[in-house]
PDB file of N, CA and C in Angstrom:
ATOM      1  N   THR A   1     262.208 219.726 135.187  1.00  0.00           N
ATOM      2  CA  THR A   1     262.954 219.948 133.966  1.00  0.00           C
ATOM      3  C   THR A   1     264.439 219.864 134.267  1.00  0.00           C
ATOM      4  N   VAL A   2     265.210 219.584 133.239  1.00  0.00           N
ATOM      5  CA  VAL A   2     266.660 219.491 133.397  1.00  0.00           C
ATOM      6  C   VAL A   2     267.318 220.547 132.518  1.00  0.00           C
ATOM      7  N   ASP A   3     268.187 221.342 133.122  1.00  0.00           N
ATOM      8  CA  ASP A   3     268.943 222.326 132.359  1.00  0.00           C
ATOM      9  C   ASP A   3     270.009 221.576 131.564  1.00  0.00           C
ATOM     10  N   PRO A   4     269.979 221.641 130.229  1.00  0.00           N
ATOM     11  CA  PRO A   4     270.928 220.872 129.423  1.00  0.00           C
ATOM     12  C   PRO A   4     272.376 221.315 129.590  1.00  0.00           C
ATOM     13  N   LYS A   5     272.589 222.547 130.026  1.00  0.00           N
ATOM     14  CA  LYS A   5     273.966 223.046 130.190  1.00  0.00           C
ATOM     15  C   LYS A   5     274.566 222.616 131.517  1.00  0.00           C
ATOM     16  N   THR A   6     273.777 222.690 132.594  1.00  0.00           N
ATOM     17  CA  THR A   6     274.311 222.421 133.929  1.00  0.00           C
ATOM     18  C   THR A   6     273.898 221.055 134.477  1.00  0.00           C
ATOM     19  N   GLY A   7     272.808 220.502 133.935  1.00  0.00           N
ATOM     20  CA  GLY A   7     272.293 219.231 134.457  1.00  0.00           C
ATOM     21  C   GLY A   7     271.439 219.408 135.706  1.00  0.00           C
ATOM     22  N   LYS A   8     271.224 220.662 136.101  1.00  0.00           N
ATOM     23  CA  LYS A   8     270.433 220.935 137.293  1.00  0.00           C
ATOM     24  C   LYS A   8     268.962 220.559 137.046  1.00  0.00           C
ATOM     25  N   VAL A   9     268.384 219.853 138.004  1.00  0.00           N
ATOM     26  CA  VAL A   9     266.992 219.427 137.909  1.00  0.00           C
ATOM     27  C   VAL A   9     266.128 220.399 138.699  1.00  0.00           C
ATOM     28  N   THR A  10     265.025 220.860 138.098  1.00  0.00           N
ATOM     29  CA  THR A  10     264.079 221.765 138.748  1.00  0.00           C
ATOM     30  C   THR A  10     262.717 221.095 138.776  1.00  0.00           C
ATOM     31  N   TYR A  11     262.092 221.059 139.941  1.00  0.00           N
ATOM     32  CA  TYR A  11     260.813 220.380 140.125  1.00  0.00           C
ATOM     33  C   TYR A  11     259.647 221.356 140.251  1.00  0.00           C
ATOM     34  N   THR A  12     259.689 222.482 139.595  1.00  0.00           N
ATOM     35  CA  THR A  12     258.646 223.485 139.760  1.00  0.00           C
ATOM     36  C   THR A  12     257.274 222.982 139.337  1.00  0.00           C
ATOM     37  N   SER A  13     257.191 222.200 138.272  1.00  0.00           N
ATOM     38  CA  SER A  13     255.867 221.770 137.804  1.00  0.00           C
ATOM     39  C   SER A  13     255.192 220.866 138.832  1.00  0.00           C
ATOM     40  N   LEU A  14     255.940 220.031 139.510  1.00  0.00           N
ATOM     41  CA  LEU A  14     255.365 219.171 140.543  1.00  0.00           C
ATOM     42  C   LEU A  14     254.832 220.008 141.698  1.00  0.00           C
ATOM     43  N   THR A  15     255.595 220.986 142.120  1.00  0.00           N
ATOM     44  CA  THR A  15     255.164 221.852 143.214  1.00  0.00           C
ATOM     45  C   THR A  15     253.944 222.668 142.804  1.00  0.00           C
ATOM     46  N   ASP A  16     253.974 223.229 141.610  1.00  0.00           N
ATOM     47  CA  ASP A  16     252.840 224.030 141.136  1.00  0.00           C
ATOM     48  C   ASP A  16     251.582 223.186 141.071  1.00  0.00           C
ATOM     49  N   ARG A  17     251.697 221.965 140.585  1.00  0.00           N
ATOM     50  CA  ARG A  17     250.525 221.096 140.464  1.00  0.00           C
ATOM     51  C   ARG A  17     249.976 220.742 141.839  1.00  0.00           C
ATOM     52  N   PHE A  18     250.836 220.467 142.792  1.00  0.00           N
ATOM     53  CA  PHE A  18     250.390 220.101 144.133  1.00  0.00           C
ATOM     54  C   PHE A  18     249.580 221.211 144.778  1.00  0.00           C
ATOM     55  N   PHE A  19     250.068 222.431 144.676  1.00  0.00           N
ATOM     56  CA  PHE A  19     249.396 223.543 145.337  1.00  0.00           C
ATOM     57  C   PHE A  19     248.207 224.094 144.546  1.00  0.00           C
ATOM     58  N   SER A  20     248.098 223.756 143.270  1.00  0.00           N
ATOM     59  CA  SER A  20     246.979 224.277 142.489  1.00  0.00           C
ATOM     60  C   SER A  20     245.748 223.384 142.575  1.00  0.00           C
ATOM     61  N   GLU A  21     245.893 222.173 143.110  1.00  0.00           N
ATOM     62  CA  GLU A  21     244.738 221.285 143.239  1.00  0.00           C
ATOM     63  C   GLU A  21     243.839 221.754 144.371  1.00  0.00           C
ATOM     64  N   ASN A  22     242.545 221.577 144.179  1.00  0.00           N
ATOM     65  CA  ASN A  22     241.599 221.896 145.249  1.00  0.00           C
ATOM     66  C   ASN A  22     241.494 220.691 146.170  1.00  0.00           C
ATOM     67  N   ARG A  23     241.970 220.842 147.366  1.00  0.00           N
ATOM     68  CA  ARG A  23     241.926 219.768 148.343  1.00  0.00           C
ATOM     69  C   ARG A  23     241.105 220.226 149.532  1.00  0.00           C
ATOM     70  N   SER A  24     240.417 219.285 150.136  1.00  0.00           N
ATOM     71  CA  SER A  24     239.650 219.636 151.319  1.00  0.00           C
ATOM     72  C   SER A  24     239.656 218.471 152.290  1.00  0.00           C
ATOM     73  N   PHE A  25     239.546 218.786 153.544  1.00  0.00           N
ATOM     74  CA  PHE A  25     239.487 217.784 154.595  1.00  0.00           C
ATOM     75  C   PHE A  25     238.034 217.535 154.934  1.00  0.00           C
ATOM     76  N   LYS A  26     237.643 216.265 154.976  1.00  0.00           N
ATOM     77  CA  LYS A  26     236.271 215.898 155.326  1.00  0.00           C
ATOM     78  C   LYS A  26     236.295 215.184 156.671  1.00  0.00           C
ATOM     79  N   ALA A  27     235.825 215.889 157.685  1.00  0.00           N
ATOM     80  CA  ALA A  27     235.786 215.306 159.026  1.00  0.00           C
ATOM     81  C   ALA A  27     234.913 214.058 159.014  1.00  0.00           C
ATOM     82  N   GLY A  28     235.384 213.025 159.693  1.00  0.00           N
ATOM     83  CA  GLY A  28     234.643 211.776 159.739  1.00  0.00           C
ATOM     84  C   GLY A  28     235.014 210.823 158.625  1.00  0.00           C
ATOM     85  N   LYS A  29     235.796 211.286 157.640  1.00  0.00           N
ATOM     86  CA  LYS A  29     236.214 210.412 156.550  1.00  0.00           C
ATOM     87  C   LYS A  29     237.727 210.417 156.382  1.00  0.00           C
ATOM     88  N   ASN A  30     238.334 211.591 156.353  1.00  0.00           N
ATOM     89  CA  ASN A  30     239.740 211.691 156.018  1.00  0.00           C
ATOM     90  C   ASN A  30     240.698 211.329 157.151  1.00  0.00           C
ATOM     91  N   GLU A  31     240.180 210.935 158.295  1.00  0.00           N
ATOM     92  CA  GLU A  31     241.066 210.506 159.372  1.00  0.00           C
ATOM     93  C   GLU A  31     241.600 209.098 159.106  1.00  0.00           C
ATOM     94  N   LEU A  32     240.887 208.312 158.314  1.00  0.00           N
ATOM     95  CA  LEU A  32     241.250 206.923 158.037  1.00  0.00           C
ATOM     96  C   LEU A  32     241.357 206.686 156.541  1.00  0.00           C
ATOM     97  N   TRP A  33     242.196 205.715 156.155  1.00  0.00           N
ATOM     98  CA  TRP A  33     242.307 205.297 154.765  1.00  0.00           C
ATOM     99  C   TRP A  33     241.364 204.123 154.533  1.00  0.00           C
ATOM    100  N   PRO A  34     240.936 203.922 153.292  1.00  0.00           N
ATOM    101  CA  PRO A  34     240.135 202.733 153.010  1.00  0.00           C
ATOM    102  C   PRO A  34     241.003 201.486 153.158  1.00  0.00           C
ATOM    103  N   ILE A  35     240.408 200.413 153.624  1.00  0.00           N
ATOM    104  CA  ILE A  35     241.117 199.138 153.748  1.00  0.00           C
ATOM    105  C   ILE A  35     241.017 198.440 152.394  1.00  0.00           C
ATOM    106  N   PRO A  36     242.125 197.964 151.837  1.00  0.00           N
ATOM    107  CA  PRO A  36     242.066 197.272 150.551  1.00  0.00           C
ATOM    108  C   PRO A  36     241.111 196.068 150.604  1.00  0.00           C
ATOM    109  N   GLN A  37     240.344 195.876 149.544  1.00  0.00           N
ATOM    110  CA  GLN A  37     239.351 194.799 149.515  1.00  0.00           C
ATOM    111  C   GLN A  37     239.985 193.434 149.732  1.00  0.00           C
ATOM    112  N   ALA A  38     241.178 193.212 149.204  1.00  0.00           N
ATOM    113  CA  ALA A  38     241.848 191.916 149.386  1.00  0.00           C
ATOM    114  C   ALA A  38     242.120 191.635 150.861  1.00  0.00           C
ATOM    115  N   VAL A  39     242.456 192.664 151.624  1.00  0.00           N
ATOM    116  CA  VAL A  39     242.706 192.505 153.057  1.00  0.00           C
ATOM    117  C   VAL A  39     241.407 192.145 153.773  1.00  0.00           C
ATOM    118  N   ILE A  40     240.327 192.820 153.399  1.00  0.00           N
ATOM    119  CA  ILE A  40     239.023 192.517 154.004  1.00  0.00           C
ATOM    120  C   ILE A  40     238.625 191.080 153.673  1.00  0.00           C
ATOM    121  N   ASP A  41     238.787 190.690 152.407  1.00  0.00           N
ATOM    122  CA  ASP A  41     238.432 189.331 151.986  1.00  0.00           C
ATOM    123  C   ASP A  41     239.241 188.275 152.732  1.00  0.00           C
ATOM    124  N   ASN A  42     240.521 188.524 152.950  1.00  0.00           N
ATOM    125  CA  ASN A  42     241.396 187.557 153.628  1.00  0.00           C
ATOM    126  C   ASN A  42     241.185 187.522 155.136  1.00  0.00           C
ATOM    127  N   SER A  43     240.452 188.486 155.691  1.00  0.00           N
ATOM    128  CA  SER A  43     240.256 188.531 157.138  1.00  0.00           C
ATOM    129  C   SER A  43     239.147 187.589 157.612  1.00  0.00           C
ATOM    130  N   LYS A  44     238.453 186.966 156.673  1.00  0.00           N
ATOM    131  CA  LYS A  44     237.381 186.007 156.982  1.00  0.00           C
ATOM    132  C   LYS A  44     236.327 186.605 157.902  1.00  0.00           C
ATOM    133  N   GLY A  45     235.927 187.845 157.588  1.00  0.00           N
ATOM    134  CA  GLY A  45     234.839 188.476 158.321  1.00  0.00           C
ATOM    135  C   GLY A  45     235.235 189.245 159.564  1.00  0.00           C
ATOM    136  N   THR A  46     236.518 189.296 159.887  1.00  0.00           N
ATOM    137  CA  THR A  46     236.916 190.014 161.105  1.00  0.00           C
ATOM    138  C   THR A  46     237.127 191.503 160.864  1.00  0.00           C
ATOM    139  N   LEU A  47     237.338 191.907 159.596  1.00  0.00           N
ATOM    140  CA  LEU A  47     237.517 193.327 159.278  1.00  0.00           C
ATOM    141  C   LEU A  47     236.354 193.824 158.447  1.00  0.00           C
ATOM    142  N   LYS A  48     235.968 195.070 158.690  1.00  0.00           N
ATOM    143  CA  LYS A  48     234.959 195.740 157.877  1.00  0.00           C
ATOM    144  C   LYS A  48     235.577 197.023 157.347  1.00  0.00           C
ATOM    145  N   GLN A  49     235.071 197.481 156.210  1.00  0.00           N
ATOM    146  CA  GLN A  49     235.586 198.701 155.599  1.00  0.00           C
ATOM    147  C   GLN A  49     235.353 199.893 156.525  1.00  0.00           C
ATOM    148  N   ASN A  50     236.306 200.822 156.528  1.00  0.00           N
ATOM    149  CA  ASN A  50     236.148 202.046 157.303  1.00  0.00           C
ATOM    150  C   ASN A  50     234.921 202.804 156.818  1.00  0.00           C
ATOM    151  N   VAL A  51     234.225 203.425 157.737  1.00  0.00           N
ATOM    152  CA  VAL A  51     233.010 204.173 157.418  1.00  0.00           C
ATOM    153  C   VAL A  51     233.324 205.271 156.403  1.00  0.00           C
ATOM    154  N   GLY A  52     232.483 205.422 155.397  1.00  0.00           N
ATOM    155  CA  GLY A  52     232.663 206.463 154.395  1.00  0.00           C
ATOM    156  C   GLY A  52     233.346 205.992 153.134  1.00  0.00           C
ATOM    157  N   TYR A  53     233.783 204.737 153.096  1.00  0.00           N
ATOM    158  CA  TYR A  53     234.445 204.202 151.908  1.00  0.00           C
ATOM    159  C   TYR A  53     233.646 203.055 151.355  1.00  0.00           C
TER     160      TYR A  53
END
């Protein structure tokens, strides 16, 4: 939000939303990101999707 008098910006809603989400770490999955399908397609069979995605 922006204070109309001072112009000061406050990001409380972003912080509140980040910490209020239920997040969990899944061993064996969350160590790697999924590889975009376009990258896999362009690799001509040399890349495979990370396990769990």
